[in-house]
Amino acid sequence: MLKIEPMEKIKKEFNFKSFLEAMDFVQKVAVIAEKLNHHPDIIIKYNQVFIESYTHDAQSVTKKDHQLIAAIEKILE
């Protein structure tokens, strides 16, 4: 079965001083994602966290994605 990924996604990269800081951030993202019932794709590479968000049902970026990313960015304030 061929799975076609949507072309439009919100992509963010976050850099931290250590692996543990990156993991702490990801845990906070998980809590937010659960509260919003909207879950991003997350890739962790040592102290870097890459987040991609799009609405699977709509196969595009929606208001849900913008709300999620805004909430994630508030973690770092």
N, C-alpha and C. Protein backbone atom coordinates (compact mmCIF):
# COMPACT_ATOMS: atom_id res chain seq x y z
N MET A 1 0.85 -1.18 0.00
CA MET A 1 0.00 0.00 0.00
C MET A 1 0.89 1.24 0.00
N LEU A 2 0.65 2.13 -0.91
CA LEU A 2 1.41 3.37 -1.03
C LEU A 2 0.80 4.42 -0.12
N LYS A 3 1.63 5.00 0.74
CA LYS A 3 1.17 6.06 1.63
C LYS A 3 1.75 7.38 1.14
N ILE A 4 0.90 8.32 0.82
CA ILE A 4 1.33 9.62 0.33
C ILE A 4 1.28 10.62 1.47
N GLU A 5 2.41 11.21 1.77
CA GLU A 5 2.50 12.22 2.82
C GLU A 5 2.05 13.57 2.26
N PRO A 6 1.41 14.37 3.09
CA PRO A 6 1.02 15.71 2.62
C PRO A 6 2.25 16.57 2.36
N MET A 7 2.13 17.47 1.44
CA MET A 7 3.25 18.34 1.08
C MET A 7 3.42 19.46 2.10
N GLU A 8 2.31 19.95 2.63
CA GLU A 8 2.35 21.09 3.52
C GLU A 8 2.41 20.63 4.97
N LYS A 9 3.44 21.07 5.68
CA LYS A 9 3.59 20.78 7.10
C LYS A 9 4.22 21.99 7.76
N ILE A 10 3.98 22.13 9.05
CA ILE A 10 4.73 23.12 9.82
C ILE A 10 5.93 22.37 10.38
N LYS A 11 7.13 22.87 10.11
CA LYS A 11 8.35 22.22 10.56
C LYS A 11 9.13 23.17 11.45
N LYS A 12 9.53 22.66 12.62
CA LYS A 12 10.29 23.46 13.58
C LYS A 12 11.49 22.66 14.07
N GLU A 13 12.58 23.37 14.32
CA GLU A 13 13.77 22.76 14.90
C GLU A 13 14.08 23.50 16.20
N PHE A 14 14.35 22.72 17.24
CA PHE A 14 14.69 23.27 18.54
C PHE A 14 16.02 22.69 18.99
N ASN A 15 16.92 23.54 19.48
CA ASN A 15 18.25 23.10 19.91
C ASN A 15 18.43 23.37 21.39
N PHE A 16 19.04 22.42 22.07
CA PHE A 16 19.23 22.50 23.51
C PHE A 16 20.69 22.25 23.86
N LYS A 17 21.05 22.52 25.11
CA LYS A 17 22.43 22.36 25.55
C LYS A 17 22.81 20.89 25.75
N SER A 18 21.81 20.04 26.01
CA SER A 18 22.11 18.64 26.29
C SER A 18 20.96 17.74 25.84
N PHE A 19 21.24 16.45 25.83
CA PHE A 19 20.23 15.45 25.52
C PHE A 19 19.10 15.49 26.55
N LEU A 20 19.45 15.62 27.82
CA LEU A 20 18.43 15.64 28.87
C LEU A 20 17.49 16.83 28.74
N GLU A 21 18.03 17.99 28.36
CA GLU A 21 17.16 19.16 28.13
C GLU A 21 16.22 18.90 26.96
N ALA A 22 16.73 18.29 25.92
CA ALA A 22 15.90 17.96 24.75
C ALA A 22 14.78 17.01 25.15
N MET A 23 15.11 16.00 25.94
CA MET A 23 14.11 15.03 26.37
C MET A 23 13.07 15.66 27.29
N ASP A 24 13.49 16.56 28.15
CA ASP A 24 12.55 17.27 29.01
C ASP A 24 11.56 18.07 28.17
N PHE A 25 12.07 18.74 27.14
CA PHE A 25 11.23 19.50 26.22
C PHE A 25 10.22 18.58 25.53
N VAL A 26 10.67 17.43 25.06
CA VAL A 26 9.78 16.50 24.36
C VAL A 26 8.67 16.01 25.30
N GLN A 27 9.01 15.77 26.55
CA GLN A 27 7.99 15.35 27.51
C GLN A 27 6.93 16.44 27.67
N LYS A 28 7.35 17.69 27.72
CA LYS A 28 6.40 18.80 27.83
C LYS A 28 5.54 18.91 26.56
N VAL A 29 6.15 18.66 25.41
CA VAL A 29 5.39 18.66 24.15
C VAL A 29 4.33 17.56 24.19
N ALA A 30 4.69 16.40 24.72
CA ALA A 30 3.74 15.29 24.79
C ALA A 30 2.52 15.64 25.64
N VAL A 31 2.74 16.33 26.74
CA VAL A 31 1.63 16.74 27.60
C VAL A 31 0.70 17.70 26.86
N ILE A 32 1.28 18.65 26.16
CA ILE A 32 0.49 19.61 25.38
C ILE A 32 -0.29 18.90 24.28
N ALA A 33 0.38 18.00 23.57
CA ALA A 33 -0.26 17.27 22.48
C ALA A 33 -1.46 16.47 22.98
N GLU A 34 -1.32 15.86 24.14
CA GLU A 34 -2.43 15.10 24.72
C GLU A 34 -3.59 16.02 25.08
N LYS A 35 -3.27 17.16 25.68
CA LYS A 35 -4.33 18.11 26.06
C LYS A 35 -5.10 18.61 24.84
N LEU A 36 -4.37 18.86 23.75
CA LEU A 36 -5.00 19.37 22.53
C LEU A 36 -5.52 18.24 21.63
N ASN A 37 -5.21 17.00 21.99
CA ASN A 37 -5.56 15.83 21.18
C ASN A 37 -5.10 16.02 19.73
N HIS A 38 -3.87 16.49 19.61
CA HIS A 38 -3.26 16.71 18.29
C HIS A 38 -1.77 16.42 18.43
N HIS A 39 -1.29 15.41 17.75
CA HIS A 39 0.03 14.85 18.01
C HIS A 39 0.98 15.05 16.83
N PRO A 40 2.09 15.75 17.07
CA PRO A 40 3.05 16.00 15.99
C PRO A 40 3.99 14.81 15.80
N ASP A 41 4.70 14.83 14.69
CA ASP A 41 5.81 13.90 14.48
C ASP A 41 7.03 14.54 15.15
N ILE A 42 7.76 13.74 15.92
CA ILE A 42 8.92 14.25 16.66
C ILE A 42 10.13 13.38 16.36
N ILE A 43 11.24 14.03 16.02
CA ILE A 43 12.52 13.34 15.83
C ILE A 43 13.51 13.97 16.79
N ILE A 44 14.22 13.12 17.52
CA ILE A 44 15.22 13.60 18.48
C ILE A 44 16.59 13.14 18.00
N LYS A 45 17.52 14.07 17.88
CA LYS A 45 18.91 13.78 17.53
C LYS A 45 19.80 14.46 18.56
N TYR A 46 20.16 13.71 19.59
CA TYR A 46 20.95 14.18 20.72
C TYR A 46 20.33 15.43 21.34
N ASN A 47 20.81 16.62 20.99
CA ASN A 47 20.28 17.84 21.62
C ASN A 47 19.37 18.63 20.68
N GLN A 48 18.98 18.03 19.58
CA GLN A 48 18.10 18.67 18.61
C GLN A 48 16.76 17.95 18.60
N VAL A 49 15.69 18.74 18.52
CA VAL A 49 14.34 18.18 18.41
C VAL A 49 13.70 18.78 17.17
N PHE A 50 13.22 17.92 16.30
CA PHE A 50 12.55 18.34 15.07
C PHE A 50 11.07 17.97 15.21
N ILE A 51 10.21 18.94 15.00
CA ILE A 51 8.77 18.72 15.12
C ILE A 51 8.12 19.09 13.80
N GLU A 52 7.25 18.18 13.33
CA GLU A 52 6.45 18.43 12.14
C GLU A 52 4.99 18.25 12.52
N SER A 53 4.17 19.18 12.07
CA SER A 53 2.75 19.09 12.39
C SER A 53 1.91 19.33 11.15
N TYR A 54 0.91 18.50 10.99
CA TYR A 54 -0.13 18.67 9.99
C TYR A 54 -1.32 17.85 10.44
N THR A 55 -2.48 18.17 9.96
CA THR A 55 -3.68 17.46 10.36
C THR A 55 -3.90 16.29 9.40
N HIS A 56 -3.73 15.09 9.93
CA HIS A 56 -3.80 13.88 9.10
C HIS A 56 -5.15 13.76 8.38
N ASP A 57 -6.23 14.02 9.11
CA ASP A 57 -7.56 13.88 8.51
C ASP A 57 -7.75 14.82 7.33
N ALA A 58 -7.23 16.03 7.45
CA ALA A 58 -7.40 17.03 6.39
C ALA A 58 -6.28 16.94 5.35
N GLN A 59 -5.21 16.22 5.67
CA GLN A 59 -4.03 16.11 4.80
C GLN A 59 -3.46 17.48 4.45
N SER A 60 -3.52 18.39 5.44
CA SER A 60 -2.96 19.72 5.26
C SER A 60 -2.78 20.37 6.63
N VAL A 61 -2.22 21.55 6.63
CA VAL A 61 -2.07 22.32 7.86
C VAL A 61 -3.39 23.01 8.16
N THR A 62 -3.82 22.91 9.41
CA THR A 62 -5.07 23.54 9.83
C THR A 62 -4.84 24.39 11.08
N LYS A 63 -5.91 24.96 11.58
CA LYS A 63 -5.85 25.77 12.80
C LYS A 63 -5.28 24.96 13.96
N LYS A 64 -5.58 23.67 14.01
CA LYS A 64 -5.07 22.80 15.08
C LYS A 64 -3.54 22.81 15.11
N ASP A 65 -2.93 22.80 13.95
CA ASP A 65 -1.46 22.78 13.86
C ASP A 65 -0.87 24.09 14.36
N HIS A 66 -1.48 25.18 13.98
CA HIS A 66 -0.99 26.48 14.43
C HIS A 66 -1.15 26.62 15.94
N GLN A 67 -2.25 26.12 16.49
CA GLN A 67 -2.46 26.17 17.94
C GLN A 67 -1.42 25.31 18.66
N LEU A 68 -1.15 24.14 18.13
CA LEU A 68 -0.17 23.24 18.74
C LEU A 68 1.22 23.86 18.74
N ILE A 69 1.65 24.38 17.60
CA ILE A 69 2.98 24.97 17.50
C ILE A 69 3.10 26.19 18.42
N ALA A 70 2.07 27.01 18.49
CA ALA A 70 2.10 28.17 19.38
C ALA A 70 2.25 27.73 20.83
N ALA A 71 1.53 26.70 21.22
CA ALA A 71 1.62 26.18 22.59
C ALA A 71 3.01 25.60 22.87
N ILE A 72 3.60 24.92 21.88
CA ILE A 72 4.93 24.36 22.03
C ILE A 72 5.96 25.48 22.20
N GLU A 73 5.85 26.52 21.41
CA GLU A 73 6.81 27.63 21.48
C GLU A 73 6.73 28.35 22.82
N LYS A 74 5.55 28.33 23.47
CA LYS A 74 5.41 28.98 24.77
C LYS A 74 6.23 28.26 25.85
N ILE A 75 6.53 26.98 25.64
CA ILE A 75 7.35 26.24 26.59
C ILE A 75 8.69 26.94 26.79
N LEU A 76 9.21 27.50 25.73
CA LEU A 76 10.56 28.08 25.75
C LEU A 76 10.60 29.52 26.24
N GLU A 77 9.46 30.11 26.49
CA GLU A 77 9.42 31.50 26.95
C GLU A 77 9.82 31.63 28.40
